[in-house]
């Protein structure tokens, strides 16, 4: 059983898998969009989001931690100077995975993983309507008109009965 073991193996040894993820994340930050299989995109997403959150901190320790994973100084600089400032107001969800279909050669599910570009619009909480003690105007008017109509109807009935 695979208890408490997370992540996909993707048919690779651990060292190969880690090296592949590092290369893919580096390419992802260089191009800001890559096309890959669904399972690889789903594995890359948390790594990329953690690195962007690290870059948002912006201190030297965070830069060194990112450089330990990315290993390309130009990409690390781009991450800290161009990519991270875009997401200062966003608390997460920096990437998006778009499914493209299947690859003709081996029928693998293909998708694009890309950085989210649109600005974050925070929703304001809706206020609950205030219940008033006075009834609405339409109900008051209907209550006023109803007795007058019944009084006229009763007079008409009495007149026809005589």
Protein backbone atom coordinates (compact mmCIF):
# COMPACT_ATOMS: atom_id res chain seq x y z
CA UNK A 1 0.00 0.00 0.00
CA UNK A 2 1.09 3.57 -0.64
CA UNK A 3 0.25 5.16 2.69
CA UNK A 4 1.61 8.67 3.31
CA UNK A 5 3.51 8.80 0.03
CA UNK A 6 2.52 11.81 -2.01
CA UNK A 7 3.17 12.76 -5.59
CA UNK A 8 3.32 10.88 -8.84
CA UNK A 9 6.30 8.74 -9.76
CA UNK A 10 5.88 9.33 -13.50
CA UNK A 11 7.88 6.19 -14.33
CA UNK A 12 11.20 7.72 -13.26
CA UNK A 13 13.73 7.27 -10.49
CA UNK A 14 13.72 9.91 -7.77
CA UNK A 15 16.83 11.76 -8.94
CA UNK A 16 15.59 11.85 -12.55
CA UNK A 17 12.15 13.06 -11.45
CA UNK A 18 13.58 15.86 -9.28
CA UNK A 19 15.93 16.98 -12.06
CA UNK A 20 13.04 16.96 -14.55
CA UNK A 21 10.89 19.10 -12.22
CA UNK A 22 13.73 21.59 -11.75
CA UNK A 23 14.23 21.87 -15.50
CA UNK A 24 10.50 22.24 -16.14
CA UNK A 25 10.04 24.90 -13.45
CA UNK A 26 13.02 26.81 -14.85
CA UNK A 27 11.52 26.67 -18.34
CA UNK A 28 8.16 27.65 -16.92
CA UNK A 29 9.57 30.83 -15.37
CA UNK A 30 11.57 31.68 -18.50
CA UNK A 31 8.63 31.32 -20.91
CA UNK A 32 5.78 31.84 -18.38
CA UNK A 33 3.89 29.06 -20.18
CA UNK A 34 4.76 25.47 -21.10
CA UNK A 35 2.94 22.60 -22.73
CA UNK A 36 3.28 19.24 -21.00
CA UNK A 37 1.25 16.25 -19.86
CA UNK A 38 -1.52 16.72 -17.31
CA UNK A 39 0.22 14.75 -14.57
CA UNK A 40 3.50 16.67 -14.97
CA UNK A 41 1.62 19.99 -14.95
CA UNK A 42 -0.19 19.00 -11.77
CA UNK A 43 3.14 18.15 -10.14
CA UNK A 44 4.84 21.36 -11.28
CA UNK A 45 2.06 23.66 -10.08
CA UNK A 46 2.74 23.48 -6.30
CA UNK A 47 6.49 23.85 -6.85
CA UNK A 48 6.05 26.96 -9.00
CA UNK A 49 3.52 28.50 -6.62
CA UNK A 50 5.81 27.98 -3.63
CA UNK A 51 8.69 29.60 -5.50
CA UNK A 52 6.54 32.61 -6.42
CA UNK A 53 5.45 32.96 -2.78
CA UNK A 54 9.12 32.76 -1.80
CA UNK A 55 9.97 35.47 -4.34
CA UNK A 56 7.22 37.71 -2.96
CA UNK A 57 9.14 37.80 0.32
CA UNK A 58 12.07 39.20 -1.60
CA UNK A 59 14.81 38.91 1.03
CA UNK A 60 18.26 37.40 0.55
CA UNK A 61 17.38 34.11 2.22
CA UNK A 62 14.39 33.64 -0.07
CA UNK A 63 16.56 34.41 -3.11
CA UNK A 64 19.09 31.79 -2.02
CA UNK A 65 16.38 29.21 -1.43
CA UNK A 66 14.98 29.82 -4.92
CA UNK A 67 18.47 29.69 -6.43
CA UNK A 68 19.03 26.32 -4.75
CA UNK A 69 16.09 24.90 -6.69
CA UNK A 70 16.22 26.80 -9.99
CA UNK A 71 20.02 26.94 -10.52
CA UNK A 72 19.85 29.61 -13.23
CA UNK A 73 20.69 33.08 -11.95
CA UNK A 74 18.93 34.92 -14.80
CA UNK A 75 15.71 33.00 -14.16
CA UNK A 76 15.95 33.65 -10.42
CA UNK A 77 16.43 37.35 -11.14
CA UNK A 78 13.41 37.35 -13.47
CA UNK A 79 11.34 35.57 -10.81
CA UNK A 80 12.20 38.16 -8.16
CA UNK A 81 12.12 41.32 -10.31
CA UNK A 82 9.35 40.68 -12.89
CA UNK A 83 7.11 37.79 -11.85
CA UNK A 84 6.77 38.24 -8.06
CA UNK A 85 5.77 41.94 -8.13
CA UNK A 86 2.80 41.07 -10.37
CA UNK A 87 1.33 38.90 -7.63
CA UNK A 88 1.95 41.09 -4.55
CA UNK A 89 -1.80 41.50 -3.92
CA UNK A 90 -2.67 37.86 -4.69
CA UNK A 91 -2.58 35.28 -1.89
CA UNK A 92 -2.17 32.25 -4.14
CA UNK A 93 -3.42 30.77 -7.38
CA UNK A 94 -0.65 32.15 -9.56
CA UNK A 95 -0.91 29.39 -12.18
CA UNK A 96 -3.60 27.91 -14.39
CA UNK A 97 -3.76 24.52 -16.12
CA UNK A 98 -5.66 24.37 -19.41
CA UNK A 99 -6.37 20.94 -20.85
CA UNK A 100 -5.71 20.62 -24.60
CA UNK A 101 -6.75 17.05 -25.37
CA UNK A 102 -4.65 14.02 -26.24
CA UNK A 103 -1.28 13.71 -27.93
CA UNK A 104 -1.56 11.83 -31.24
CA UNK A 105 1.51 9.62 -30.73
CA UNK A 106 0.78 8.00 -27.39
CA UNK A 107 -2.69 9.30 -26.49
CA UNK A 108 -1.34 11.14 -23.42
CA UNK A 109 -3.46 13.95 -21.95
CA UNK A 110 -1.77 17.26 -22.83
CA UNK A 111 -2.24 20.60 -21.09
CA UNK A 112 -0.75 24.07 -20.84
CA UNK A 113 0.40 25.44 -17.51
CA UNK A 114 0.69 29.22 -17.49
CA UNK A 115 0.90 32.18 -15.15
CA UNK A 116 -2.37 33.96 -14.44
CA UNK A 117 -2.29 37.42 -16.01
CA UNK A 118 -5.54 39.17 -15.07
CA UNK A 119 -5.68 41.38 -12.03
CA UNK A 120 -7.24 40.03 -8.88
CA UNK A 121 -10.64 41.50 -8.10
CA UNK A 122 -11.52 40.97 -4.47
CA UNK A 123 -15.18 40.42 -3.80
CA UNK A 124 -16.84 42.58 -1.21
CA UNK A 125 -19.08 40.76 1.23
CA UNK A 126 -22.75 41.40 0.57
CA UNK A 127 -24.63 43.08 3.36
CA UNK A 128 -27.81 41.44 4.54
CA UNK A 129 -31.01 43.41 3.96
CA UNK A 130 -32.27 45.23 7.01
CA UNK A 131 -35.72 44.12 8.16
CA UNK A 132 -37.90 47.10 8.96
CA UNK A 133 -40.79 47.19 11.42
CA UNK A 134 -43.10 49.03 9.00
CA UNK A 135 -44.68 46.99 6.19
CA UNK A 136 -43.91 47.88 2.57
CA UNK A 137 -46.03 50.58 0.86
CA UNK A 138 -47.84 48.15 -1.49
CA UNK A 139 -49.15 46.08 1.44
CA UNK A 140 -50.38 49.21 3.25
CA UNK A 141 -52.20 50.45 0.11
CA UNK A 142 -53.84 47.06 -0.47
CA UNK A 143 -55.03 46.97 3.14
CA UNK A 144 -56.52 50.45 2.83
CA UNK A 145 -58.31 49.73 -0.49
CA UNK A 146 -59.73 46.34 0.45
CA UNK A 147 -62.33 47.52 3.04
CA UNK A 148 -63.63 50.18 0.66
CA UNK A 149 -64.24 47.60 -2.05
CA UNK A 150 -66.05 45.25 0.31
CA UNK A 151 -68.20 48.09 1.64
CA UNK A 152 -69.29 49.01 -1.90
CA UNK A 153 -70.02 45.36 -2.66
CA UNK A 154 -72.14 44.99 0.49
CA UNK A 155 -74.18 48.11 -0.39
CA UNK A 156 -74.79 46.73 -3.87
CA UNK A 157 -75.95 43.42 -2.44
CA UNK A 158 -78.35 45.14 0.00
CA UNK A 159 -79.75 47.33 -2.77
CA UNK A 160 -80.42 44.36 -5.06
CA UNK A 161 -81.98 42.37 -2.21
CA UNK A 162 -84.58 45.13 -1.57
